[in-house]
Amino acid sequence: MSERQVTIASRVGLHARPAAIFAEAVGRVPLEVTIAMAGAPVDEAMDASSILSLMSLGAANGDVVVLRAEGVGADGALEELAKILETDLDSE
């Protein structure tokens, strides 16, 4: 299983617009991707393609989350998804 820690860069955290943009990107990945707050047990990870899951995570600006995926191309997919979360999507 591939794993990548990412710091949330959007000023409002992972809410509304940033969550929608990220969920859409995850939906284009042919792998199951999960997200959890850093330090949370693996079984608390949520579906990263679900806007509701992303918003209920409560990740604020500066929080660290963990993305996980398994399968061919998982490392590359997580790297691309991490770039989205590391961008202030509120300033675009």
PDB file of N, CA and C in Angstrom:
ATOM      1  N   MET A   1       0.842  -1.177   0.000  1.00  0.00           N
ATOM      2  CA  MET A   1       0.000   0.000   0.000  1.00  0.00           C
ATOM      3  C   MET A   1       0.888   1.241   0.000  1.00  0.00           C
ATOM      4  N   SER A   2       0.543   2.165  -0.869  1.00  0.00           N
ATOM      5  CA  SER A   2       1.275   3.430  -0.931  1.00  0.00           C
ATOM      6  C   SER A   2       0.623   4.430   0.001  1.00  0.00           C
ATOM      7  N   GLU A   3       1.443   5.303   0.542  1.00  0.00           N
ATOM      8  CA  GLU A   3       0.959   6.288   1.515  1.00  0.00           C
ATOM      9  C   GLU A   3       1.716   7.588   1.298  1.00  0.00           C
ATOM     10  N   ARG A   4       1.002   8.700   1.456  1.00  0.00           N
ATOM     11  CA  ARG A   4       1.629  10.016   1.278  1.00  0.00           C
ATOM     12  C   ARG A   4       1.026  10.981   2.285  1.00  0.00           C
ATOM     13  N   GLN A   5       1.866  11.649   3.087  1.00  0.00           N
ATOM     14  CA  GLN A   5       1.391  12.681   4.014  1.00  0.00           C
ATOM     15  C   GLN A   5       1.401  14.021   3.292  1.00  0.00           C
ATOM     16  N   VAL A   6       0.347  14.789   3.501  1.00  0.00           N
ATOM     17  CA  VAL A   6       0.176  16.052   2.795  1.00  0.00           C
ATOM     18  C   VAL A   6      -0.330  17.114   3.769  1.00  0.00           C
ATOM     19  N   THR A   7       0.197  18.331   3.638  1.00  0.00           N
ATOM     20  CA  THR A   7      -0.278  19.459   4.429  1.00  0.00           C
ATOM     21  C   THR A   7      -1.299  20.238   3.610  1.00  0.00           C
ATOM     22  N   ILE A   8      -2.457  20.488   4.198  1.00  0.00           N
ATOM     23  CA  ILE A   8      -3.544  21.210   3.520  1.00  0.00           C
ATOM     24  C   ILE A   8      -3.146  22.672   3.359  1.00  0.00           C
ATOM     25  N   ALA A   9      -3.171  23.163   2.113  1.00  0.00           N
ATOM     26  CA  ALA A   9      -2.734  24.532   1.838  1.00  0.00           C
ATOM     27  C   ALA A   9      -3.886  25.523   1.681  1.00  0.00           C
ATOM     28  N   SER A  10      -5.076  25.060   1.346  1.00  0.00           N
ATOM     29  CA  SER A  10      -6.192  25.992   1.145  1.00  0.00           C
ATOM     30  C   SER A  10      -6.517  26.733   2.430  1.00  0.00           C
ATOM     31  N   ARG A  11      -6.754  28.027   2.297  1.00  0.00           N
ATOM     32  CA  ARG A  11      -6.997  28.872   3.470  1.00  0.00           C
ATOM     33  C   ARG A  11      -8.192  28.431   4.292  1.00  0.00           C
ATOM     34  N   VAL A  12      -9.232  27.885   3.655  1.00  0.00           N
ATOM     35  CA  VAL A  12     -10.418  27.445   4.394  1.00  0.00           C
ATOM     36  C   VAL A  12     -10.368  25.955   4.705  1.00  0.00           C
ATOM     37  N   GLY A  13      -9.236  25.333   4.425  1.00  0.00           N
ATOM     38  CA  GLY A  13      -9.111  23.906   4.657  1.00  0.00           C
ATOM     39  C   GLY A  13      -9.794  23.116   3.557  1.00  0.00           C
ATOM     40  N   LEU A  14     -10.155  21.904   3.873  1.00  0.00           N
ATOM     41  CA  LEU A  14     -10.729  20.996   2.884  1.00  0.00           C
ATOM     42  C   LEU A  14     -12.257  21.086   2.952  1.00  0.00           C
ATOM     43  N   HIS A  15     -12.788  22.240   2.559  1.00  0.00           N
ATOM     44  CA  HIS A  15     -14.229  22.485   2.584  1.00  0.00           C
ATOM     45  C   HIS A  15     -14.698  22.962   1.225  1.00  0.00           C
ATOM     46  N   ALA A  16     -15.965  22.757   0.936  1.00  0.00           N
ATOM     47  CA  ALA A  16     -16.660  23.215  -0.259  1.00  0.00           C
ATOM     48  C   ALA A  16     -15.836  23.115  -1.544  1.00  0.00           C
ATOM     49  N   ARG A  17     -15.360  24.232  -2.046  1.00  0.00           N
ATOM     50  CA  ARG A  17     -14.676  24.251  -3.343  1.00  0.00           C
ATOM     51  C   ARG A  17     -13.423  23.371  -3.362  1.00  0.00           C
ATOM     52  N   PRO A  18     -12.511  23.495  -2.398  1.00  0.00           N
ATOM     53  CA  PRO A  18     -11.335  22.619  -2.419  1.00  0.00           C
ATOM     54  C   PRO A  18     -11.714  21.133  -2.351  1.00  0.00           C
ATOM     55  N   ALA A  19     -12.719  20.796  -1.557  1.00  0.00           N
ATOM     56  CA  ALA A  19     -13.146  19.398  -1.448  1.00  0.00           C
ATOM     57  C   ALA A  19     -13.711  18.907  -2.775  1.00  0.00           C
ATOM     58  N   ALA A  20     -14.487  19.737  -3.441  1.00  0.00           N
ATOM     59  CA  ALA A  20     -15.076  19.356  -4.729  1.00  0.00           C
ATOM     60  C   ALA A  20     -13.989  19.139  -5.781  1.00  0.00           C
ATOM     61  N   ILE A  21     -13.026  20.032  -5.834  1.00  0.00           N
ATOM     62  CA  ILE A  21     -11.930  19.909  -6.805  1.00  0.00           C
ATOM     63  C   ILE A  21     -11.136  18.632  -6.534  1.00  0.00           C
ATOM     64  N   PHE A  22     -10.824  18.383  -5.274  1.00  0.00           N
ATOM     65  CA  PHE A  22     -10.041  17.203  -4.920  1.00  0.00           C
ATOM     66  C   PHE A  22     -10.829  15.919  -5.185  1.00  0.00           C
ATOM     67  N   ALA A  23     -12.101  15.872  -4.794  1.00  0.00           N
ATOM     68  CA  ALA A  23     -12.928  14.676  -5.005  1.00  0.00           C
ATOM     69  C   ALA A  23     -13.044  14.353  -6.495  1.00  0.00           C
ATOM     70  N   GLU A  24     -13.177  15.371  -7.318  1.00  0.00           N
ATOM     71  CA  GLU A  24     -13.260  15.163  -8.765  1.00  0.00           C
ATOM     72  C   GLU A  24     -11.963  14.536  -9.291  1.00  0.00           C
ATOM     73  N   ALA A  25     -10.828  15.034  -8.820  1.00  0.00           N
ATOM     74  CA  ALA A  25      -9.530  14.488  -9.237  1.00  0.00           C
ATOM     75  C   ALA A  25      -9.383  13.041  -8.791  1.00  0.00           C
ATOM     76  N   VAL A  26      -9.797  12.737  -7.571  1.00  0.00           N
ATOM     77  CA  VAL A  26      -9.721  11.363  -7.067  1.00  0.00           C
ATOM     78  C   VAL A  26     -10.612  10.448  -7.905  1.00  0.00           C
ATOM     79  N   GLY A  27     -11.779  10.950  -8.308  1.00  0.00           N
ATOM     80  CA  GLY A  27     -12.696  10.167  -9.118  1.00  0.00           C
ATOM     81  C   GLY A  27     -12.118   9.757 -10.468  1.00  0.00           C
ATOM     82  N   ARG A  28     -11.140  10.492 -10.955  1.00  0.00           N
ATOM     83  CA  ARG A  28     -10.491  10.162 -12.231  1.00  0.00           C
ATOM     84  C   ARG A  28      -9.377   9.128 -12.074  1.00  0.00           C
ATOM     85  N   VAL A  29      -9.010   8.820 -10.834  1.00  0.00           N
ATOM     86  CA  VAL A  29      -7.944   7.848 -10.564  1.00  0.00           C
ATOM     87  C   VAL A  29      -8.564   6.446 -10.540  1.00  0.00           C
ATOM     88  N   PRO A  30      -7.976   5.496 -11.278  1.00  0.00           N
ATOM     89  CA  PRO A  30      -8.555   4.143 -11.326  1.00  0.00           C
ATOM     90  C   PRO A  30      -8.197   3.270 -10.114  1.00  0.00           C
ATOM     91  N   LEU A  31      -8.066   3.899  -8.955  1.00  0.00           N
ATOM     92  CA  LEU A  31      -7.720   3.203  -7.722  1.00  0.00           C
ATOM     93  C   LEU A  31      -8.622   3.708  -6.608  1.00  0.00           C
ATOM     94  N   GLU A  32      -8.759   2.909  -5.560  1.00  0.00           N
ATOM     95  CA  GLU A  32      -9.473   3.377  -4.379  1.00  0.00           C
ATOM     96  C   GLU A  32      -8.484   4.172  -3.538  1.00  0.00           C
ATOM     97  N   VAL A  33      -8.820   5.431  -3.290  1.00  0.00           N
ATOM     98  CA  VAL A  33      -7.947   6.312  -2.522  1.00  0.00           C
ATOM     99  C   VAL A  33      -8.672   6.680  -1.233  1.00  0.00           C
ATOM    100  N   THR A  34      -7.967   6.576  -0.119  1.00  0.00           N
ATOM    101  CA  THR A  34      -8.546   6.967   1.162  1.00  0.00           C
ATOM    102  C   THR A  34      -7.773   8.150   1.740  1.00  0.00           C
ATOM    103  N   ILE A  35      -8.434   8.837   2.664  1.00  0.00           N
ATOM    104  CA  ILE A  35      -7.829   9.989   3.332  1.00  0.00           C
ATOM    105  C   ILE A  35      -8.166   9.912   4.815  1.00  0.00           C
ATOM    106  N   ALA A  36      -7.213  10.326   5.638  1.00  0.00           N
ATOM    107  CA  ALA A  36      -7.410  10.368   7.088  1.00  0.00           C
ATOM    108  C   ALA A  36      -6.510  11.457   7.657  1.00  0.00           C
ATOM    109  N   MET A  37      -6.853  11.921   8.825  1.00  0.00           N
ATOM    110  CA  MET A  37      -5.985  12.863   9.514  1.00  0.00           C
ATOM    111  C   MET A  37      -4.721  12.101   9.930  1.00  0.00           C
ATOM    112  N   ALA A  38      -3.592  12.763   9.887  1.00  0.00           N
ATOM    113  CA  ALA A  38      -2.336  12.135  10.310  1.00  0.00           C
ATOM    114  C   ALA A  38      -2.473  11.677  11.754  1.00  0.00           C
ATOM    115  N   GLY A  39      -2.030  10.476  12.021  1.00  0.00           N
ATOM    116  CA  GLY A  39      -2.101   9.926  13.368  1.00  0.00           C
ATOM    117  C   GLY A  39      -3.364   9.134  13.650  1.00  0.00           C
ATOM    118  N   ALA A  40      -4.357   9.242  12.757  1.00  0.00           N
ATOM    119  CA  ALA A  40      -5.597   8.487  12.948  1.00  0.00           C
ATOM    120  C   ALA A  40      -5.374   7.026  12.567  1.00  0.00           C
ATOM    121  N   PRO A  41      -6.093   6.106  13.209  1.00  0.00           N
ATOM    122  CA  PRO A  41      -5.962   4.690  12.838  1.00  0.00           C
ATOM    123  C   PRO A  41      -6.361   4.476  11.375  1.00  0.00           C
ATOM    124  N   VAL A  42      -5.735   3.511  10.726  1.00  0.00           N
ATOM    125  CA  VAL A  42      -6.004   3.225   9.313  1.00  0.00           C
ATOM    126  C   VAL A  42      -7.481   2.932   9.080  1.00  0.00           C
ATOM    127  N   ASP A  43      -8.137   2.268  10.028  1.00  0.00           N
ATOM    128  CA  ASP A  43      -9.545   1.911   9.826  1.00  0.00           C
ATOM    129  C   ASP A  43     -10.483   3.115   9.906  1.00  0.00           C
ATOM    130  N   GLU A  44      -9.976   4.291  10.236  1.00  0.00           N
ATOM    131  CA  GLU A  44     -10.787   5.509  10.241  1.00  0.00           C
ATOM    132  C   GLU A  44     -10.666   6.288   8.931  1.00  0.00           C
ATOM    133  N   ALA A  45      -9.885   5.763   7.991  1.00  0.00           N
ATOM    134  CA  ALA A  45      -9.714   6.433   6.700  1.00  0.00           C
ATOM    135  C   ALA A  45     -11.042   6.452   5.955  1.00  0.00           C
ATOM    136  N   MET A  46     -11.246   7.536   5.201  1.00  0.00           N
ATOM    137  CA  MET A  46     -12.493   7.730   4.460  1.00  0.00           C
ATOM    138  C   MET A  46     -12.237   7.718   2.966  1.00  0.00           C
ATOM    139  N   ASP A  47     -13.301   7.511   2.216  1.00  0.00           N
ATOM    140  CA  ASP A  47     -13.249   7.531   0.760  1.00  0.00           C
ATOM    141  C   ASP A  47     -12.893   8.944   0.302  1.00  0.00           C
ATOM    142  N   ALA A  48     -11.754   9.090  -0.358  1.00  0.00           N
ATOM    143  CA  ALA A  48     -11.291  10.415  -0.766  1.00  0.00           C
ATOM    144  C   ALA A  48     -12.042  10.966  -1.970  1.00  0.00           C
ATOM    145  N   SER A  49     -12.892  10.153  -2.612  1.00  0.00           N
ATOM    146  CA  SER A  49     -13.668  10.653  -3.744  1.00  0.00           C
ATOM    147  C   SER A  49     -15.026  11.201  -3.314  1.00  0.00           C
ATOM    148  N   SER A  50     -15.318  11.146  -2.029  1.00  0.00           N
ATOM    149  CA  SER A  50     -16.598  11.617  -1.497  1.00  0.00           C
ATOM    150  C   SER A  50     -16.454  13.019  -0.905  1.00  0.00           C
ATOM    151  N   ILE A  51     -17.170  13.975  -1.480  1.00  0.00           N
ATOM    152  CA  ILE A  51     -17.119  15.349  -0.978  1.00  0.00           C
ATOM    153  C   ILE A  51     -17.570  15.391   0.481  1.00  0.00           C
ATOM    154  N   LEU A  52     -18.610  14.649   0.809  1.00  0.00           N
ATOM    155  CA  LEU A  52     -19.109  14.652   2.193  1.00  0.00           C
ATOM    156  C   LEU A  52     -18.059  14.100   3.160  1.00  0.00           C
ATOM    157  N   SER A  53     -17.367  13.039   2.755  1.00  0.00           N
ATOM    158  CA  SER A  53     -16.306  12.488   3.612  1.00  0.00           C
ATOM    159  C   SER A  53     -15.192  13.506   3.803  1.00  0.00           C
ATOM    160  N   LEU A  54     -14.813  14.164   2.712  1.00  0.00           N
ATOM    161  CA  LEU A  54     -13.735  15.152   2.794  1.00  0.00           C
ATOM    162  C   LEU A  54     -14.106  16.295   3.730  1.00  0.00           C
ATOM    163  N   MET A  55     -15.334  16.779   3.612  1.00  0.00           N
ATOM    164  CA  MET A  55     -15.750  17.895   4.457  1.00  0.00           C
ATOM    165  C   MET A  55     -15.916  17.459   5.917  1.00  0.00           C
ATOM    166  N   SER A  56     -16.369  16.227   6.139  1.00  0.00           N
ATOM    167  CA  SER A  56     -16.549  15.760   7.519  1.00  0.00           C
ATOM    168  C   SER A  56     -15.214  15.465   8.202  1.00  0.00           C
ATOM    169  N   LEU A  57     -14.171  15.329   7.412  1.00  0.00           N
ATOM    170  CA  LEU A  57     -12.832  15.115   7.967  1.00  0.00           C
ATOM    171  C   LEU A  57     -12.414  16.299   8.837  1.00  0.00           C
ATOM    172  N   GLY A  58     -12.839  17.502   8.456  1.00  0.00           N
ATOM    173  CA  GLY A  58     -12.534  18.690   9.255  1.00  0.00           C
ATOM    174  C   GLY A  58     -11.105  19.169   9.119  1.00  0.00           C
ATOM    175  N   ALA A  59     -10.449  18.855   8.007  1.00  0.00           N
ATOM    176  CA  ALA A  59      -9.055  19.260   7.815  1.00  0.00           C
ATOM    177  C   ALA A  59      -8.970  20.760   7.528  1.00  0.00           C
ATOM    178  N   ALA A  60      -8.227  21.462   8.359  1.00  0.00           N
ATOM    179  CA  ALA A  60      -8.062  22.913   8.232  1.00  0.00           C
ATOM    180  C   ALA A  60      -6.709  23.229   7.594  1.00  0.00           C
ATOM    181  N   ASN A  61      -6.527  24.488   7.255  1.00  0.00           N
ATOM    182  CA  ASN A  61      -5.251  24.945   6.699  1.00  0.00           C
ATOM    183  C   ASN A  61      -4.121  24.567   7.646  1.00  0.00           C
ATOM    184  N   GLY A  62      -3.090  23.927   7.105  1.00  0.00           N
ATOM    185  CA  GLY A  62      -1.935  23.530   7.902  1.00  0.00           C
ATOM    186  C   GLY A  62      -2.028  22.144   8.509  1.00  0.00           C
ATOM    187  N   ASP A  63      -3.225  21.544   8.496  1.00  0.00           N
ATOM    188  CA  ASP A  63      -3.360  20.177   9.014  1.00  0.00           C
ATOM    189  C   ASP A  63      -2.685  19.194   8.070  1.00  0.00           C
ATOM    190  N   VAL A  64      -2.228  18.095   8.629  1.00  0.00           N
ATOM    191  CA  VAL A  64      -1.599  17.047   7.828  1.00  0.00           C
ATOM    192  C   VAL A  64      -2.574  15.881   7.702  1.00  0.00           C
ATOM    193  N   VAL A  65      -2.767  15.439   6.457  1.00  0.00           N
ATOM    194  CA  VAL A  65      -3.621  14.288   6.180  1.00  0.00           C
ATOM    195  C   VAL A  65      -2.768  13.198   5.528  1.00  0.00           C
ATOM    196  N   VAL A  66      -3.282  11.983   5.545  1.00  0.00           N
ATOM    197  CA  VAL A  66      -2.593  10.844   4.939  1.00  0.00           C
ATOM    198  C   VAL A  66      -3.469  10.294   3.818  1.00  0.00           C
ATOM    199  N   LEU A  67      -2.900  10.235   2.620  1.00  0.00           N
ATOM    200  CA  LEU A  67      -3.563   9.613   1.478  1.00  0.00           C
ATOM    201  C   LEU A  67      -3.007   8.206   1.326  1.00  0.00           C
ATOM    202  N   ARG A  68      -3.887   7.243   1.038  1.00  0.00           N
ATOM    203  CA  ARG A  68      -3.445   5.866   0.829  1.00  0.00           C
ATOM    204  C   ARG A  68      -4.136   5.287  -0.407  1.00  0.00           C
ATOM    205  N   ALA A  69      -3.407   4.462  -1.134  1.00  0.00           N
ATOM    206  CA  ALA A  69      -3.951   3.752  -2.291  1.00  0.00           C
ATOM    207  C   ALA A  69      -3.121   2.500  -2.515  1.00  0.00           C
ATOM    208  N   GLU A  70      -3.729   1.526  -3.172  1.00  0.00           N
ATOM    209  CA  GLU A  70      -3.022   0.285  -3.454  1.00  0.00           C
ATOM    210  C   GLU A  70      -3.265  -0.090  -4.903  1.00  0.00           C
ATOM    211  N   GLY A  71      -2.223  -0.544  -5.559  1.00  0.00           N
ATOM    212  CA  GLY A  71      -2.357  -0.992  -6.934  1.00  0.00           C
ATOM    213  C   GLY A  71      -1.302  -0.375  -7.824  1.00  0.00           C
ATOM    214  N   VAL A  72      -1.354  -0.770  -9.082  1.00  0.00           N
ATOM    215  CA  VAL A  72      -0.406  -0.278 -10.071  1.00  0.00           C
ATOM    216  C   VAL A  72      -0.605   1.223 -10.260  1.00  0.00           C
ATOM    217  N   GLY A  73       0.464   1.975 -10.133  1.00  0.00           N
ATOM    218  CA  GLY A  73       0.413   3.424 -10.313  1.00  0.00           C
ATOM    219  C   GLY A  73       0.007   4.203  -9.079  1.00  0.00           C
ATOM    220  N   ALA A  74      -0.092   3.533  -7.939  1.00  0.00           N
ATOM    221  CA  ALA A  74      -0.542   4.203  -6.715  1.00  0.00           C
ATOM    222  C   ALA A  74       0.394   5.336  -6.298  1.00  0.00           C
ATOM    223  N   ASP A  75       1.694   5.117  -6.368  1.00  0.00           N
ATOM    224  CA  ASP A  75       2.642   6.157  -5.953  1.00  0.00           C
ATOM    225  C   ASP A  75       2.472   7.422  -6.791  1.00  0.00           C
ATOM    226  N   GLY A  76       2.393   7.254  -8.104  1.00  0.00           N
ATOM    227  CA  GLY A  76       2.228   8.403  -8.997  1.00  0.00           C
ATOM    228  C   GLY A  76       0.905   9.107  -8.789  1.00  0.00           C
ATOM    229  N   ALA A  77      -0.157   8.329  -8.590  1.00  0.00           N
ATOM    230  CA  ALA A  77      -1.478   8.913  -8.367  1.00  0.00           C
ATOM    231  C   ALA A  77      -1.499   9.735  -7.082  1.00  0.00           C
ATOM    232  N   LEU A  78      -0.918   9.196  -6.021  1.00  0.00           N
ATOM    233  CA  LEU A  78      -0.899   9.926  -4.752  1.00  0.00           C
ATOM    234  C   LEU A  78      -0.056  11.188  -4.858  1.00  0.00           C
ATOM    235  N   GLU A  79       1.014  11.134  -5.624  1.00  0.00           N
ATOM    236  CA  GLU A  79       1.853  12.317  -5.820  1.00  0.00           C
ATOM    237  C   GLU A  79       1.058  13.432  -6.504  1.00  0.00           C
ATOM    238  N   GLU A  80       0.306  13.073  -7.535  1.00  0.00           N
ATOM    239  CA  GLU A  80      -0.503  14.070  -8.251  1.00  0.00           C
ATOM    240  C   GLU A  80      -1.611  14.615  -7.359  1.00  0.00           C
ATOM    241  N   LEU A  81      -2.256  13.754  -6.595  1.00  0.00           N
ATOM    242  CA  LEU A  81      -3.319  14.200  -5.692  1.00  0.00           C
ATOM    243  C   LEU A  81      -2.754  15.077  -4.578  1.00  0.00           C
ATOM    244  N   ALA A  82      -1.560  14.767  -4.098  1.00  0.00           N
ATOM    245  CA  ALA A  82      -0.925  15.569  -3.056  1.00  0.00           C
ATOM    246  C   ALA A  82      -0.687  16.990  -3.550  1.00  0.00           C
ATOM    247  N   LYS A  83      -0.305  17.133  -4.810  1.00  0.00           N
ATOM    248  CA  LYS A  83      -0.065  18.468  -5.364  1.00  0.00           C
ATOM    249  C   LYS A  83      -1.325  19.329  -5.295  1.00  0.00           C
ATOM    250  N   ILE A  84      -2.477  18.709  -5.477  1.00  0.00           N
ATOM    251  CA  ILE A  84      -3.741  19.461  -5.404  1.00  0.00           C
ATOM    252  C   ILE A  84      -3.947  19.978  -3.985  1.00  0.00           C
ATOM    253  N   LEU A  85      -3.755  19.111  -2.985  1.00  0.00           N
ATOM    254  CA  LEU A  85      -3.968  19.529  -1.601  1.00  0.00           C
ATOM    255  C   LEU A  85      -2.914  20.534  -1.140  1.00  0.00           C
ATOM    256  N   GLU A  86      -1.738  20.496  -1.748  1.00  0.00           N
ATOM    257  CA  GLU A  86      -0.655  21.415  -1.378  1.00  0.00           C
ATOM    258  C   GLU A  86      -0.773  22.758  -2.091  1.00  0.00           C
ATOM    259  N   THR A  87      -1.855  22.953  -2.825  1.00  0.00           N
ATOM    260  CA  THR A  87      -2.114  24.207  -3.542  1.00  0.00           C
ATOM    261  C   THR A  87      -3.242  24.944  -2.845  1.00  0.00           C
ATOM    262  N   ASP A  88      -3.126  26.245  -2.699  1.00  0.00           N
ATOM    263  CA  ASP A  88      -4.200  27.038  -2.117  1.00  0.00           C
ATOM    264  C   ASP A  88      -5.283  27.202  -3.173  1.00  0.00           C
ATOM    265  N   LEU A  89      -6.255  26.299  -3.175  1.00  0.00           N
ATOM    266  CA  LEU A  89      -7.312  26.301  -4.175  1.00  0.00           C
ATOM    267  C   LEU A  89      -8.275  27.478  -4.015  1.00  0.00           C
ATOM    268  N   ASP A  90      -8.201  28.162  -2.894  1.00  0.00           N
ATOM    269  CA  ASP A  90      -9.062  29.324  -2.666  1.00  0.00           C
ATOM    270  C   ASP A  90      -8.540  30.566  -3.375  1.00  0.00           C
ATOM    271  N   SER A  91      -7.279  30.558  -3.761  1.00  0.00           N
ATOM    272  CA  SER A  91      -6.699  31.749  -4.384  1.00  0.00           C
ATOM    273  C   SER A  91      -6.820  31.715  -5.897  1.00  0.00           C
ATOM    274  N   GLU A  92      -7.280  30.609  -6.442  1.00  0.00           N
ATOM    275  CA  GLU A  92      -7.388  30.478  -7.903  1.00  0.00           C
ATOM    276  C   GLU A  92      -8.712  30.956  -8.417  1.00  0.00           C
TER     277      GLU A  92
END
